[in-house]
Amino acid sequence: MKVFSKILVALGVTVFLLTVGIKNEVLAQCDPGYTHHIDTVTVQGCLYAVDLCIQCTATHPGKVKYNSIRKLDDSCIDTLDPNERIQQVLSQVSNWAYVYFNVCPGNFPPCEPGPPLEITFSYPICWYMQKSATEDQTWYLVCDDASCDITYELCMKFPEQTVQRTEISRTYTNFPYSCTEEGFNVDEPTLPNETSDCYILHTPCNPDDGWDPR
């Protein structure tokens, strides 16, 4: 009986580890042609890991999609609501210079005669929070496939030798989105594996006064 019990315990641990591994693997997947990129940024002194997929092509050096965000230490206290936290994290990785220096280096064509290159940021609209089962961390995960897609043209101005960025489109994908709750109204999870309600991330497509990526 004791041997059988040990086998059951071992099997349970194995299933748990496989489940965690499968979850992490799903979160890290990117579509073909995209590079998986994880970085750590600081918001009000707290560390967050942001998980991205970035595609580099000859004419479009930067199609950026966002998979998840993870607060690395929940004991670090800030003054932001969940919507503001995501805004602050994504604003640090949502510019041409970040993409250029980290994943898609290359040369920008002159603005005259052109043509310019393009870069697109695809911001998920609906998010939820989940408390980690094993660590004092919180995941910020996407709960809807709706997104705000913003595309810019990039070219090099001469004689200044500065990069000129011009917005050319701002559209919704998979509209309408399902979430209606504002981030400041959502209860944050405190127990292992506990999740929050789905809430809105305000992007430049559905703006508030908290974020304008440059």
N, C-alpha and C. Protein backbone atom coordinates (compact mmCIF):
# COMPACT_ATOMS: atom_id res chain seq x y z
N MET A 1 0.82 -1.20 0.00
CA MET A 1 0.00 0.00 0.00
C MET A 1 0.86 1.26 0.00
N LYS A 2 1.93 1.23 0.82
CA LYS A 2 2.81 2.41 0.87
C LYS A 2 3.47 2.65 -0.47
N VAL A 3 3.88 1.55 -1.13
CA VAL A 3 4.52 1.68 -2.45
C VAL A 3 3.53 2.27 -3.44
N PHE A 4 2.27 1.78 -3.39
CA PHE A 4 1.24 2.29 -4.28
C PHE A 4 0.97 3.77 -4.04
N SER A 5 0.96 4.19 -2.76
CA SER A 5 0.74 5.59 -2.43
C SER A 5 1.86 6.46 -2.97
N LYS A 6 3.10 5.97 -2.85
CA LYS A 6 4.24 6.72 -3.37
C LYS A 6 4.14 6.89 -4.88
N ILE A 7 3.67 5.83 -5.54
CA ILE A 7 3.51 5.90 -7.00
C ILE A 7 2.48 6.96 -7.37
N LEU A 8 1.36 6.99 -6.61
CA LEU A 8 0.33 7.99 -6.88
C LEU A 8 0.85 9.40 -6.67
N VAL A 9 1.63 9.60 -5.59
CA VAL A 9 2.20 10.92 -5.33
C VAL A 9 3.14 11.33 -6.45
N ALA A 10 4.00 10.39 -6.86
CA ALA A 10 4.95 10.69 -7.93
C ALA A 10 4.22 11.03 -9.22
N LEU A 11 3.13 10.27 -9.51
CA LEU A 11 2.35 10.54 -10.70
C LEU A 11 1.70 11.92 -10.65
N GLY A 12 1.20 12.26 -9.45
CA GLY A 12 0.58 13.58 -9.29
C GLY A 12 1.56 14.71 -9.52
N VAL A 13 2.76 14.56 -8.97
CA VAL A 13 3.81 15.58 -9.17
C VAL A 13 4.17 15.69 -10.64
N THR A 14 4.29 14.54 -11.31
CA THR A 14 4.64 14.55 -12.74
C THR A 14 3.58 15.27 -13.56
N VAL A 15 2.30 14.96 -13.29
CA VAL A 15 1.21 15.63 -14.02
C VAL A 15 1.24 17.13 -13.77
N PHE A 16 1.48 17.53 -12.52
CA PHE A 16 1.55 18.96 -12.19
C PHE A 16 2.66 19.64 -12.96
N LEU A 17 3.86 19.03 -12.98
CA LEU A 17 4.99 19.63 -13.68
C LEU A 17 4.74 19.70 -15.17
N LEU A 18 4.10 18.67 -15.73
CA LEU A 18 3.77 18.70 -17.15
C LEU A 18 2.77 19.80 -17.45
N THR A 19 1.80 19.98 -16.55
CA THR A 19 0.81 21.04 -16.74
C THR A 19 1.46 22.41 -16.74
N VAL A 20 2.36 22.65 -15.77
CA VAL A 20 3.06 23.93 -15.71
C VAL A 20 3.90 24.13 -16.96
N GLY A 21 4.59 23.05 -17.39
CA GLY A 21 5.41 23.15 -18.58
C GLY A 21 4.59 23.45 -19.81
N ILE A 22 3.42 22.79 -19.94
CA ILE A 22 2.55 23.04 -21.08
C ILE A 22 2.07 24.48 -21.07
N LYS A 23 1.69 24.99 -19.90
CA LYS A 23 1.22 26.36 -19.82
C LYS A 23 2.30 27.33 -20.24
N ASN A 24 3.51 27.15 -19.73
CA ASN A 24 4.61 28.04 -20.09
C ASN A 24 4.94 27.95 -21.57
N GLU A 25 4.84 26.73 -22.12
CA GLU A 25 5.14 26.55 -23.53
C GLU A 25 4.12 27.28 -24.38
N VAL A 26 2.84 27.20 -24.00
CA VAL A 26 1.80 27.89 -24.75
C VAL A 26 2.03 29.39 -24.72
N LEU A 27 2.38 29.90 -23.55
CA LEU A 27 2.59 31.34 -23.42
C LEU A 27 3.76 31.81 -24.28
N ALA A 28 4.72 30.93 -24.55
CA ALA A 28 5.93 31.33 -25.25
C ALA A 28 5.85 31.11 -26.75
N GLN A 29 4.76 30.53 -27.27
CA GLN A 29 4.68 30.23 -28.68
C GLN A 29 4.52 31.49 -29.52
N CYS A 30 5.16 31.49 -30.70
CA CYS A 30 5.02 32.56 -31.68
C CYS A 30 4.64 31.96 -33.02
N ASP A 31 3.95 32.74 -33.84
CA ASP A 31 3.62 32.29 -35.19
C ASP A 31 4.90 32.12 -36.01
N PRO A 32 4.87 31.28 -37.06
CA PRO A 32 6.03 31.12 -37.92
C PRO A 32 6.52 32.46 -38.48
N GLY A 33 7.83 32.65 -38.47
CA GLY A 33 8.41 33.89 -38.96
C GLY A 33 8.63 34.93 -37.90
N TYR A 34 8.14 34.68 -36.69
CA TYR A 34 8.31 35.62 -35.58
C TYR A 34 9.42 35.13 -34.65
N THR A 35 10.11 36.07 -34.04
CA THR A 35 11.14 35.77 -33.04
C THR A 35 10.56 35.94 -31.65
N HIS A 36 10.75 34.94 -30.80
CA HIS A 36 10.30 35.03 -29.42
C HIS A 36 11.29 35.86 -28.62
N HIS A 37 10.79 36.87 -27.89
CA HIS A 37 11.67 37.79 -27.18
C HIS A 37 11.08 38.08 -25.80
N ILE A 38 11.87 37.90 -24.75
CA ILE A 38 11.45 38.20 -23.38
C ILE A 38 12.41 39.23 -22.80
N ASP A 39 11.86 40.24 -22.15
CA ASP A 39 12.69 41.28 -21.55
C ASP A 39 12.12 41.64 -20.19
N THR A 40 12.92 42.30 -19.39
CA THR A 40 12.50 42.76 -18.07
C THR A 40 12.54 44.28 -18.03
N VAL A 41 11.46 44.89 -17.59
CA VAL A 41 11.38 46.34 -17.48
C VAL A 41 10.98 46.71 -16.06
N THR A 42 11.19 47.97 -15.71
CA THR A 42 10.89 48.47 -14.37
C THR A 42 9.77 49.49 -14.43
N VAL A 43 8.78 49.33 -13.57
CA VAL A 43 7.68 50.28 -13.44
C VAL A 43 7.52 50.63 -11.97
N GLN A 44 7.72 51.89 -11.64
CA GLN A 44 7.66 52.36 -10.25
C GLN A 44 8.50 51.48 -9.33
N GLY A 45 9.67 51.11 -9.78
CA GLY A 45 10.59 50.33 -8.97
C GLY A 45 10.32 48.84 -8.92
N CYS A 46 9.25 48.36 -9.60
CA CYS A 46 8.91 46.94 -9.61
C CYS A 46 9.30 46.33 -10.96
N LEU A 47 9.75 45.09 -10.93
CA LEU A 47 10.22 44.41 -12.13
C LEU A 47 9.10 43.59 -12.77
N TYR A 48 9.02 43.71 -14.11
CA TYR A 48 8.05 42.96 -14.88
C TYR A 48 8.75 42.30 -16.06
N ALA A 49 8.43 41.03 -16.30
CA ALA A 49 8.90 40.33 -17.50
C ALA A 49 7.82 40.44 -18.56
N VAL A 50 8.19 40.90 -19.75
CA VAL A 50 7.23 41.03 -20.85
C VAL A 50 7.63 40.07 -21.96
N ASP A 51 6.64 39.33 -22.46
CA ASP A 51 6.85 38.28 -23.46
C ASP A 51 6.29 38.77 -24.80
N LEU A 52 7.16 38.82 -25.84
CA LEU A 52 6.79 39.38 -27.14
C LEU A 52 7.07 38.39 -28.26
N CYS A 53 6.38 38.58 -29.38
CA CYS A 53 6.74 37.96 -30.65
C CYS A 53 6.97 39.08 -31.65
N ILE A 54 8.13 39.05 -32.33
CA ILE A 54 8.49 40.13 -33.25
C ILE A 54 8.91 39.54 -34.58
N GLN A 55 8.35 40.07 -35.66
CA GLN A 55 8.70 39.62 -37.00
C GLN A 55 9.52 40.68 -37.72
N CYS A 56 10.59 40.25 -38.35
CA CYS A 56 11.45 41.15 -39.13
C CYS A 56 11.36 40.74 -40.60
N THR A 57 11.03 41.70 -41.48
CA THR A 57 11.07 41.45 -42.92
C THR A 57 11.79 42.62 -43.59
N ALA A 58 12.04 42.48 -44.87
CA ALA A 58 12.79 43.51 -45.59
C ALA A 58 12.04 44.84 -45.65
N THR A 59 10.73 44.79 -45.76
CA THR A 59 9.93 46.01 -45.89
C THR A 59 9.19 46.38 -44.61
N HIS A 60 9.17 45.48 -43.66
CA HIS A 60 8.39 45.70 -42.44
C HIS A 60 9.22 45.22 -41.24
N PRO A 61 10.25 45.95 -40.88
CA PRO A 61 11.15 45.47 -39.81
C PRO A 61 10.55 45.67 -38.43
N GLY A 62 9.52 44.91 -38.16
CA GLY A 62 8.89 45.00 -36.86
C GLY A 62 7.39 44.87 -36.91
N LYS A 63 6.89 43.62 -36.76
CA LYS A 63 5.49 43.39 -36.45
C LYS A 63 5.49 42.80 -35.05
N VAL A 64 4.93 43.51 -34.10
CA VAL A 64 5.10 43.17 -32.69
C VAL A 64 3.76 42.73 -32.10
N LYS A 65 3.77 41.55 -31.47
CA LYS A 65 2.61 41.05 -30.76
C LYS A 65 3.00 40.78 -29.31
N TYR A 66 2.05 40.95 -28.39
CA TYR A 66 2.33 40.83 -26.97
C TYR A 66 1.61 39.60 -26.41
N ASN A 67 2.37 38.72 -25.74
CA ASN A 67 1.82 37.47 -25.22
C ASN A 67 1.38 37.58 -23.76
N SER A 68 2.27 38.08 -22.91
CA SER A 68 1.97 38.11 -21.49
C SER A 68 2.94 39.04 -20.78
N ILE A 69 2.57 39.37 -19.55
CA ILE A 69 3.41 40.17 -18.66
C ILE A 69 3.39 39.46 -17.30
N ARG A 70 4.52 39.49 -16.62
CA ARG A 70 4.58 38.84 -15.30
C ARG A 70 5.26 39.77 -14.31
N LYS A 71 4.55 40.10 -13.24
CA LYS A 71 5.18 40.85 -12.15
C LYS A 71 6.03 39.89 -11.35
N LEU A 72 7.32 40.18 -11.23
CA LEU A 72 8.25 39.21 -10.69
C LEU A 72 8.26 39.12 -9.18
N ASP A 73 7.71 40.12 -8.50
CA ASP A 73 7.69 40.09 -7.03
C ASP A 73 6.50 40.89 -6.55
N ASP A 74 5.45 40.19 -6.12
CA ASP A 74 4.23 40.88 -5.70
C ASP A 74 4.39 41.66 -4.40
N SER A 75 5.49 41.45 -3.70
CA SER A 75 5.72 42.24 -2.48
C SER A 75 6.14 43.67 -2.83
N CYS A 76 6.48 43.92 -4.08
CA CYS A 76 6.81 45.28 -4.53
C CYS A 76 5.51 46.03 -4.78
N ILE A 77 5.32 47.13 -4.08
CA ILE A 77 4.05 47.86 -4.12
C ILE A 77 4.18 49.09 -5.02
N ASP A 78 3.16 49.31 -5.85
CA ASP A 78 3.11 50.52 -6.66
C ASP A 78 1.76 51.20 -6.46
N THR A 79 1.54 52.31 -7.14
CA THR A 79 0.30 53.08 -6.99
C THR A 79 -0.60 52.97 -8.21
N LEU A 80 -0.35 51.99 -9.09
CA LEU A 80 -1.05 51.89 -10.36
C LEU A 80 -2.17 50.86 -10.29
N ASP A 81 -3.18 51.05 -11.15
CA ASP A 81 -4.19 50.01 -11.31
C ASP A 81 -3.74 49.06 -12.43
N PRO A 82 -4.40 47.90 -12.60
CA PRO A 82 -3.93 46.91 -13.57
C PRO A 82 -3.81 47.43 -15.00
N ASN A 83 -4.73 48.29 -15.42
CA ASN A 83 -4.64 48.88 -16.75
C ASN A 83 -3.39 49.74 -16.88
N GLU A 84 -3.13 50.55 -15.88
CA GLU A 84 -1.97 51.45 -15.92
C GLU A 84 -0.66 50.67 -15.91
N ARG A 85 -0.62 49.56 -15.18
CA ARG A 85 0.61 48.75 -15.16
C ARG A 85 0.95 48.23 -16.56
N ILE A 86 -0.06 47.68 -17.24
CA ILE A 86 0.21 47.17 -18.59
C ILE A 86 0.62 48.30 -19.52
N GLN A 87 -0.05 49.44 -19.41
CA GLN A 87 0.34 50.59 -20.23
C GLN A 87 1.79 50.96 -20.01
N GLN A 88 2.20 51.02 -18.75
CA GLN A 88 3.57 51.42 -18.43
C GLN A 88 4.60 50.40 -18.93
N VAL A 89 4.25 49.11 -18.83
CA VAL A 89 5.17 48.08 -19.32
C VAL A 89 5.28 48.14 -20.84
N LEU A 90 4.15 48.12 -21.53
CA LEU A 90 4.18 48.05 -22.99
C LEU A 90 4.73 49.31 -23.63
N SER A 91 4.54 50.46 -22.98
CA SER A 91 5.06 51.69 -23.56
C SER A 91 6.58 51.67 -23.67
N GLN A 92 7.24 50.88 -22.81
CA GLN A 92 8.70 50.81 -22.85
C GLN A 92 9.24 49.94 -23.98
N VAL A 93 8.40 49.07 -24.53
CA VAL A 93 8.86 48.17 -25.59
C VAL A 93 8.08 48.39 -26.89
N SER A 94 7.36 49.51 -26.98
CA SER A 94 6.50 49.78 -28.14
C SER A 94 7.01 50.98 -28.92
N ASN A 95 8.25 50.92 -29.32
CA ASN A 95 8.79 51.99 -30.16
C ASN A 95 9.81 51.39 -31.12
N TRP A 96 10.06 52.09 -32.22
CA TRP A 96 10.92 51.54 -33.27
C TRP A 96 12.32 51.27 -32.75
N ALA A 97 12.84 52.14 -31.86
CA ALA A 97 14.21 51.97 -31.38
C ALA A 97 14.37 50.67 -30.60
N TYR A 98 13.37 50.33 -29.78
CA TYR A 98 13.45 49.08 -29.01
C TYR A 98 13.51 47.89 -29.96
N VAL A 99 12.62 47.87 -30.95
CA VAL A 99 12.59 46.75 -31.90
C VAL A 99 13.89 46.70 -32.71
N TYR A 100 14.34 47.85 -33.15
CA TYR A 100 15.56 47.93 -33.97
C TYR A 100 16.78 47.41 -33.22
N PHE A 101 16.99 47.86 -32.01
CA PHE A 101 18.21 47.52 -31.28
C PHE A 101 18.17 46.12 -30.66
N ASN A 102 16.97 45.55 -30.46
CA ASN A 102 16.87 44.26 -29.80
C ASN A 102 16.64 43.08 -30.74
N VAL A 103 15.93 43.30 -31.83
CA VAL A 103 15.54 42.15 -32.67
C VAL A 103 15.77 42.39 -34.16
N CYS A 104 15.44 43.56 -34.68
CA CYS A 104 15.41 43.79 -36.12
C CYS A 104 16.35 44.92 -36.55
N PRO A 105 17.66 44.76 -36.41
CA PRO A 105 18.57 45.83 -36.85
C PRO A 105 18.60 45.92 -38.38
N GLY A 106 18.89 47.11 -38.88
CA GLY A 106 18.95 47.31 -40.33
C GLY A 106 19.12 48.77 -40.65
N ASN A 107 19.02 49.11 -41.92
CA ASN A 107 19.15 50.49 -42.37
C ASN A 107 17.80 51.04 -42.79
N PHE A 108 17.51 52.28 -42.39
CA PHE A 108 16.28 52.93 -42.82
C PHE A 108 16.52 53.68 -44.12
N PRO A 109 15.58 53.59 -45.06
CA PRO A 109 15.76 54.33 -46.32
C PRO A 109 15.59 55.82 -46.11
N PRO A 110 16.16 56.64 -46.98
CA PRO A 110 15.93 58.09 -46.88
C PRO A 110 14.47 58.41 -47.14
N CYS A 111 13.95 59.45 -46.45
CA CYS A 111 12.54 59.84 -46.64
C CYS A 111 12.28 60.29 -48.07
N GLU A 112 13.29 60.86 -48.70
CA GLU A 112 13.20 61.23 -50.11
C GLU A 112 14.30 60.52 -50.87
N PRO A 113 14.02 59.71 -51.89
CA PRO A 113 12.69 59.52 -52.50
C PRO A 113 11.85 58.41 -51.86
N GLY A 114 12.37 57.69 -50.84
CA GLY A 114 11.60 56.59 -50.24
C GLY A 114 11.74 55.32 -51.08
N PRO A 115 10.83 54.33 -50.93
CA PRO A 115 9.70 54.32 -49.99
C PRO A 115 10.14 54.00 -48.57
N PRO A 116 9.35 54.40 -47.56
CA PRO A 116 9.69 54.13 -46.17
C PRO A 116 9.45 52.66 -45.81
N LEU A 117 9.96 52.26 -44.67
CA LEU A 117 9.63 50.96 -44.08
C LEU A 117 8.45 51.14 -43.13
N GLU A 118 7.91 50.01 -42.64
CA GLU A 118 6.77 50.07 -41.74
C GLU A 118 7.03 49.25 -40.48
N ILE A 119 6.38 49.65 -39.40
CA ILE A 119 6.43 48.90 -38.15
C ILE A 119 5.03 48.90 -37.55
N THR A 120 4.60 47.74 -37.05
CA THR A 120 3.24 47.59 -36.53
C THR A 120 3.28 47.04 -35.11
N PHE A 121 2.49 47.64 -34.23
CA PHE A 121 2.32 47.16 -32.87
C PHE A 121 0.87 46.70 -32.70
N SER A 122 0.69 45.47 -32.24
CA SER A 122 -0.64 44.89 -32.09
C SER A 122 -0.93 44.70 -30.60
N TYR A 123 -1.73 45.60 -30.04
CA TYR A 123 -1.99 45.61 -28.60
C TYR A 123 -3.28 44.84 -28.26
N PRO A 124 -3.21 43.75 -27.49
CA PRO A 124 -4.44 43.09 -27.05
C PRO A 124 -5.27 44.04 -26.19
N ILE A 125 -6.58 43.98 -26.36
CA ILE A 125 -7.48 44.89 -25.65
C ILE A 125 -7.91 44.34 -24.29
N CYS A 126 -8.12 43.03 -24.21
CA CYS A 126 -8.70 42.45 -23.00
C CYS A 126 -7.68 41.58 -22.26
N TRP A 127 -7.53 41.82 -20.97
CA TRP A 127 -6.54 41.12 -20.16
C TRP A 127 -7.18 40.64 -18.86
N TYR A 128 -6.53 39.66 -18.23
CA TYR A 128 -6.89 39.27 -16.86
C TYR A 128 -5.61 38.96 -16.10
N MET A 129 -5.71 38.89 -14.79
CA MET A 129 -4.58 38.58 -13.93
C MET A 129 -4.74 37.19 -13.33
N GLN A 130 -3.63 36.50 -13.15
CA GLN A 130 -3.64 35.21 -12.46
C GLN A 130 -2.47 35.12 -11.51
N LYS A 131 -2.77 34.81 -10.26
CA LYS A 131 -1.73 34.64 -9.25
C LYS A 131 -0.99 33.33 -9.50
N SER A 132 0.33 33.38 -9.42
CA SER A 132 1.13 32.17 -9.61
C SER A 132 0.80 31.14 -8.55
N ALA A 133 0.87 29.86 -8.94
CA ALA A 133 0.57 28.78 -8.00
C ALA A 133 1.71 28.53 -7.03
N THR A 134 2.94 28.88 -7.42
CA THR A 134 4.11 28.48 -6.62
C THR A 134 4.97 29.65 -6.17
N GLU A 135 4.80 30.85 -6.76
CA GLU A 135 5.66 31.97 -6.42
C GLU A 135 4.83 33.21 -6.14
N ASP A 136 5.44 34.19 -5.49
CA ASP A 136 4.74 35.44 -5.18
C ASP A 136 4.81 36.36 -6.39
N GLN A 137 4.12 35.91 -7.45
CA GLN A 137 4.12 36.62 -8.72
C GLN A 137 2.71 36.63 -9.30
N THR A 138 2.46 37.61 -10.18
CA THR A 138 1.18 37.71 -10.86
C THR A 138 1.40 37.77 -12.36
N TRP A 139 0.64 36.94 -13.09
CA TRP A 139 0.66 36.97 -14.55
C TRP A 139 -0.42 37.91 -15.06
N TYR A 140 -0.11 38.64 -16.12
CA TYR A 140 -1.09 39.44 -16.87
C TYR A 140 -1.22 38.77 -18.24
N LEU A 141 -2.42 38.21 -18.49
CA LEU A 141 -2.64 37.36 -19.65
C LEU A 141 -3.79 37.89 -20.51
N VAL A 142 -3.76 37.55 -21.78
CA VAL A 142 -4.77 38.03 -22.73
C VAL A 142 -5.99 37.12 -22.67
N CYS A 143 -7.19 37.72 -22.60
CA CYS A 143 -8.41 36.91 -22.50
C CYS A 143 -9.36 37.12 -23.68
N ASP A 144 -8.89 37.75 -24.75
CA ASP A 144 -9.71 37.99 -25.93
C ASP A 144 -8.75 38.17 -27.09
N ASP A 145 -9.18 37.81 -28.31
CA ASP A 145 -8.29 37.96 -29.47
C ASP A 145 -8.46 39.31 -30.16
N ALA A 146 -9.20 40.24 -29.56
CA ALA A 146 -9.32 41.59 -30.12
C ALA A 146 -8.05 42.37 -29.86
N SER A 147 -7.65 43.20 -30.83
CA SER A 147 -6.44 43.99 -30.66
C SER A 147 -6.58 45.34 -31.35
N CYS A 148 -5.74 46.28 -30.90
CA CYS A 148 -5.56 47.58 -31.53
C CYS A 148 -4.25 47.52 -32.30
N ASP A 149 -4.33 47.65 -33.62
CA ASP A 149 -3.15 47.53 -34.48
C ASP A 149 -2.77 48.90 -35.03
N ILE A 150 -1.54 49.33 -34.72
CA ILE A 150 -1.06 50.65 -35.15
C ILE A 150 0.17 50.46 -36.02
N THR A 151 0.16 51.07 -37.20
CA THR A 151 1.28 50.96 -38.13
C THR A 151 1.88 52.34 -38.39
N TYR A 152 3.21 52.38 -38.36
CA TYR A 152 3.95 53.61 -38.63
C TYR A 152 4.87 53.40 -39.83
N GLU A 153 5.13 54.47 -40.56
CA GLU A 153 6.19 54.50 -41.56
C GLU A 153 7.46 55.05 -40.94
N LEU A 154 8.59 54.47 -41.29
CA LEU A 154 9.89 54.89 -40.78
C LEU A 154 10.83 55.21 -41.94
N CYS A 155 11.50 56.34 -41.84
CA CYS A 155 12.51 56.68 -42.84
C CYS A 155 13.54 57.60 -42.19
N MET A 156 14.66 57.80 -42.88
CA MET A 156 15.75 58.62 -42.36
C MET A 156 15.71 60.01 -42.98
N LYS A 157 15.63 61.01 -42.11
CA LYS A 157 15.64 62.41 -42.59
C LYS A 157 17.08 62.87 -42.76
N PHE A 158 17.33 63.53 -43.88
CA PHE A 158 18.63 64.13 -44.14
C PHE A 158 18.45 65.63 -44.35
N PRO A 159 19.39 66.47 -43.97
CA PRO A 159 20.73 66.12 -43.45
C PRO A 159 20.77 65.83 -41.95
N GLU A 160 19.60 65.87 -41.27
CA GLU A 160 19.59 65.70 -39.82
C GLU A 160 20.05 64.31 -39.39
N GLN A 161 19.85 63.30 -40.26
CA GLN A 161 20.14 61.90 -39.94
C GLN A 161 19.37 61.45 -38.69
N THR A 162 18.10 61.74 -38.70
CA THR A 162 17.20 61.30 -37.64
C THR A 162 16.08 60.47 -38.26
N VAL A 163 15.55 59.52 -37.49
CA VAL A 163 14.47 58.66 -37.97
C VAL A 163 13.14 59.39 -37.82
N GLN A 164 12.42 59.47 -38.91
CA GLN A 164 11.09 60.09 -38.91
C GLN A 164 10.03 59.00 -38.83
N ARG A 165 9.12 59.14 -37.88
CA ARG A 165 8.05 58.17 -37.68
C ARG A 165 6.72 58.82 -37.96
N THR A 166 5.91 58.22 -38.85
CA THR A 166 4.61 58.77 -39.24
C THR A 166 3.55 57.69 -39.12
N GLU A 167 2.52 57.94 -38.30
CA GLU A 167 1.44 56.97 -38.18
C GLU A 167 0.62 56.95 -39.46
N ILE A 168 0.35 55.73 -39.99
CA ILE A 168 -0.42 55.62 -41.23
C ILE A 168 -1.73 54.85 -41.04
N SER A 169 -1.87 54.09 -39.96
CA SER A 169 -3.14 53.40 -39.72
C SER A 169 -3.30 53.06 -38.26
N ARG A 170 -4.56 52.99 -37.85
CA ARG A 170 -4.92 52.67 -36.47
C ARG A 170 -6.26 51.95 -36.53
N THR A 171 -6.24 50.63 -36.35
CA THR A 171 -7.44 49.84 -36.59
C THR A 171 -7.63 48.79 -35.50
N TYR A 172 -8.90 48.34 -35.37
CA TYR A 172 -9.21 47.20 -34.50
C TYR A 172 -9.16 45.92 -35.31
N THR A 173 -8.69 44.86 -34.68
CA THR A 173 -8.80 43.51 -35.22
C THR A 173 -9.73 42.72 -34.31
N ASN A 174 -10.64 41.94 -34.90
CA ASN A 174 -11.62 41.13 -34.14
C ASN A 174 -12.47 41.99 -33.22
N PHE A 175 -12.97 43.09 -33.75
CA PHE A 175 -13.88 43.97 -33.03
C PHE A 175 -15.32 43.45 -33.21
N PRO A 176 -16.21 43.53 -32.22
CA PRO A 176 -16.02 44.17 -30.92
C PRO A 176 -15.35 43.24 -29.92
N TYR A 177 -14.69 43.81 -28.93
CA TYR A 177 -14.04 43.02 -27.91
C TYR A 177 -15.04 42.70 -26.79
N SER A 178 -14.71 41.68 -26.01
CA SER A 178 -15.67 41.14 -25.05
C SER A 178 -15.61 41.79 -23.68
N CYS A 179 -14.50 42.42 -23.32
CA CYS A 179 -14.35 42.94 -21.95
C CYS A 179 -15.01 44.30 -21.81
N THR A 180 -15.58 44.55 -20.65
CA THR A 180 -16.24 45.83 -20.38
C THR A 180 -15.76 46.47 -19.07
N GLU A 181 -15.12 45.70 -18.21
CA GLU A 181 -14.71 46.20 -16.89
C GLU A 181 -13.46 47.06 -17.00
N GLU A 182 -13.43 48.17 -16.28
CA GLU A 182 -12.23 49.00 -16.20
C GLU A 182 -11.25 48.39 -15.21
N GLY A 183 -9.96 48.57 -15.48
CA GLY A 183 -8.93 47.98 -14.63
C GLY A 183 -9.01 48.42 -13.18
N PHE A 184 -9.38 49.68 -12.94
CA PHE A 184 -9.41 50.16 -11.56
C PHE A 184 -10.57 49.58 -10.76
N ASN A 185 -11.52 48.90 -11.44
CA ASN A 185 -12.64 48.27 -10.74
C ASN A 185 -12.42 46.77 -10.48
N VAL A 186 -11.33 46.22 -10.99
CA VAL A 186 -11.11 44.78 -10.91
C VAL A 186 -10.37 44.41 -9.63
N ASP A 187 -10.87 43.39 -8.94
CA ASP A 187 -10.18 42.88 -7.75
C ASP A 187 -8.97 42.06 -8.18
N GLU A 188 -7.81 42.36 -7.61
CA GLU A 188 -6.60 41.65 -7.97
C GLU A 188 -6.51 40.34 -7.20
N PRO A 189 -6.07 39.26 -7.84
CA PRO A 189 -6.01 37.95 -7.18
C PRO A 189 -4.95 37.94 -6.08
N THR A 190 -5.25 37.23 -5.01
CA THR A 190 -4.33 37.14 -3.87
C THR A 190 -3.98 35.70 -3.51
N LEU A 191 -4.75 34.73 -3.98
CA LEU A 191 -4.53 33.32 -3.64
C LEU A 191 -3.89 32.59 -4.82
N PRO A 192 -3.13 31.51 -4.55
CA PRO A 192 -2.50 30.75 -5.63
C PRO A 192 -3.51 30.31 -6.69
N ASN A 193 -3.19 30.56 -7.95
CA ASN A 193 -4.02 30.19 -9.11
C ASN A 193 -5.30 31.00 -9.24
N GLU A 194 -5.55 31.92 -8.33
CA GLU A 194 -6.75 32.75 -8.43
C GLU A 194 -6.64 33.67 -9.64
N THR A 195 -7.76 33.91 -10.32
CA THR A 195 -7.78 34.79 -11.48
C THR A 195 -8.72 35.97 -11.24
N SER A 196 -8.50 37.03 -11.98
CA SER A 196 -9.37 38.19 -11.92
C SER A 196 -10.38 38.15 -13.06
N ASP A 197 -11.32 39.08 -13.03
CA ASP A 197 -12.21 39.27 -14.18
C ASP A 197 -11.40 39.86 -15.34
N CYS A 198 -11.95 39.72 -16.53
CA CYS A 198 -11.32 40.30 -17.72
C CYS A 198 -11.58 41.80 -17.72
N TYR A 199 -10.57 42.58 -18.09
CA TYR A 199 -10.73 44.04 -18.06
C TYR A 199 -10.07 44.68 -19.28
N ILE A 200 -10.37 45.95 -19.50
CA ILE A 200 -9.94 46.66 -20.70
C ILE A 200 -8.55 47.24 -20.51
N LEU A 201 -7.71 47.04 -21.52
CA LEU A 201 -6.48 47.81 -21.65
C LEU A 201 -6.76 48.98 -22.57
N HIS A 202 -6.53 50.19 -22.10
CA HIS A 202 -6.72 51.37 -22.94
C HIS A 202 -5.47 51.59 -23.79
N THR A 203 -5.67 51.54 -25.09
CA THR A 203 -4.62 51.71 -26.08
C THR A 203 -4.88 52.99 -26.86
N PRO A 204 -4.02 53.34 -27.81
CA PRO A 204 -4.33 54.51 -28.64
C PRO A 204 -5.61 54.37 -29.45
N CYS A 205 -6.10 53.14 -29.66
CA CYS A 205 -7.37 52.96 -30.37
C CYS A 205 -8.58 53.23 -29.47
N ASN A 206 -8.45 52.99 -28.19
CA ASN A 206 -9.52 53.25 -27.21
C ASN A 206 -8.89 53.98 -26.03
N PRO A 207 -8.43 55.21 -26.24
CA PRO A 207 -7.50 55.86 -25.31
C PRO A 207 -8.14 56.33 -24.02
N ASP A 208 -7.27 56.43 -23.02
CA ASP A 208 -7.53 57.25 -21.85
C ASP A 208 -6.35 58.24 -21.82
N ASP A 209 -6.10 58.88 -20.68
CA ASP A 209 -5.02 59.87 -20.64
C ASP A 209 -3.72 59.31 -20.09
N GLY A 210 -3.60 57.94 -20.08
CA GLY A 210 -2.45 57.36 -19.41
C GLY A 210 -1.32 56.90 -20.30
N TRP A 211 -1.54 56.91 -21.64
CA TRP A 211 -0.52 56.26 -22.46
C TRP A 211 -0.60 56.78 -23.89
N ASP A 212 0.56 57.18 -24.39
CA ASP A 212 0.67 57.56 -25.80
C ASP A 212 2.06 57.12 -26.26
N PRO A 213 2.17 55.88 -26.77
CA PRO A 213 3.50 55.37 -27.14
C PRO A 213 4.16 56.20 -28.21
N ARG A 214 5.46 56.40 -28.09
CA ARG A 214 6.21 57.24 -29.03
C ARG A 214 7.13 56.42 -29.92
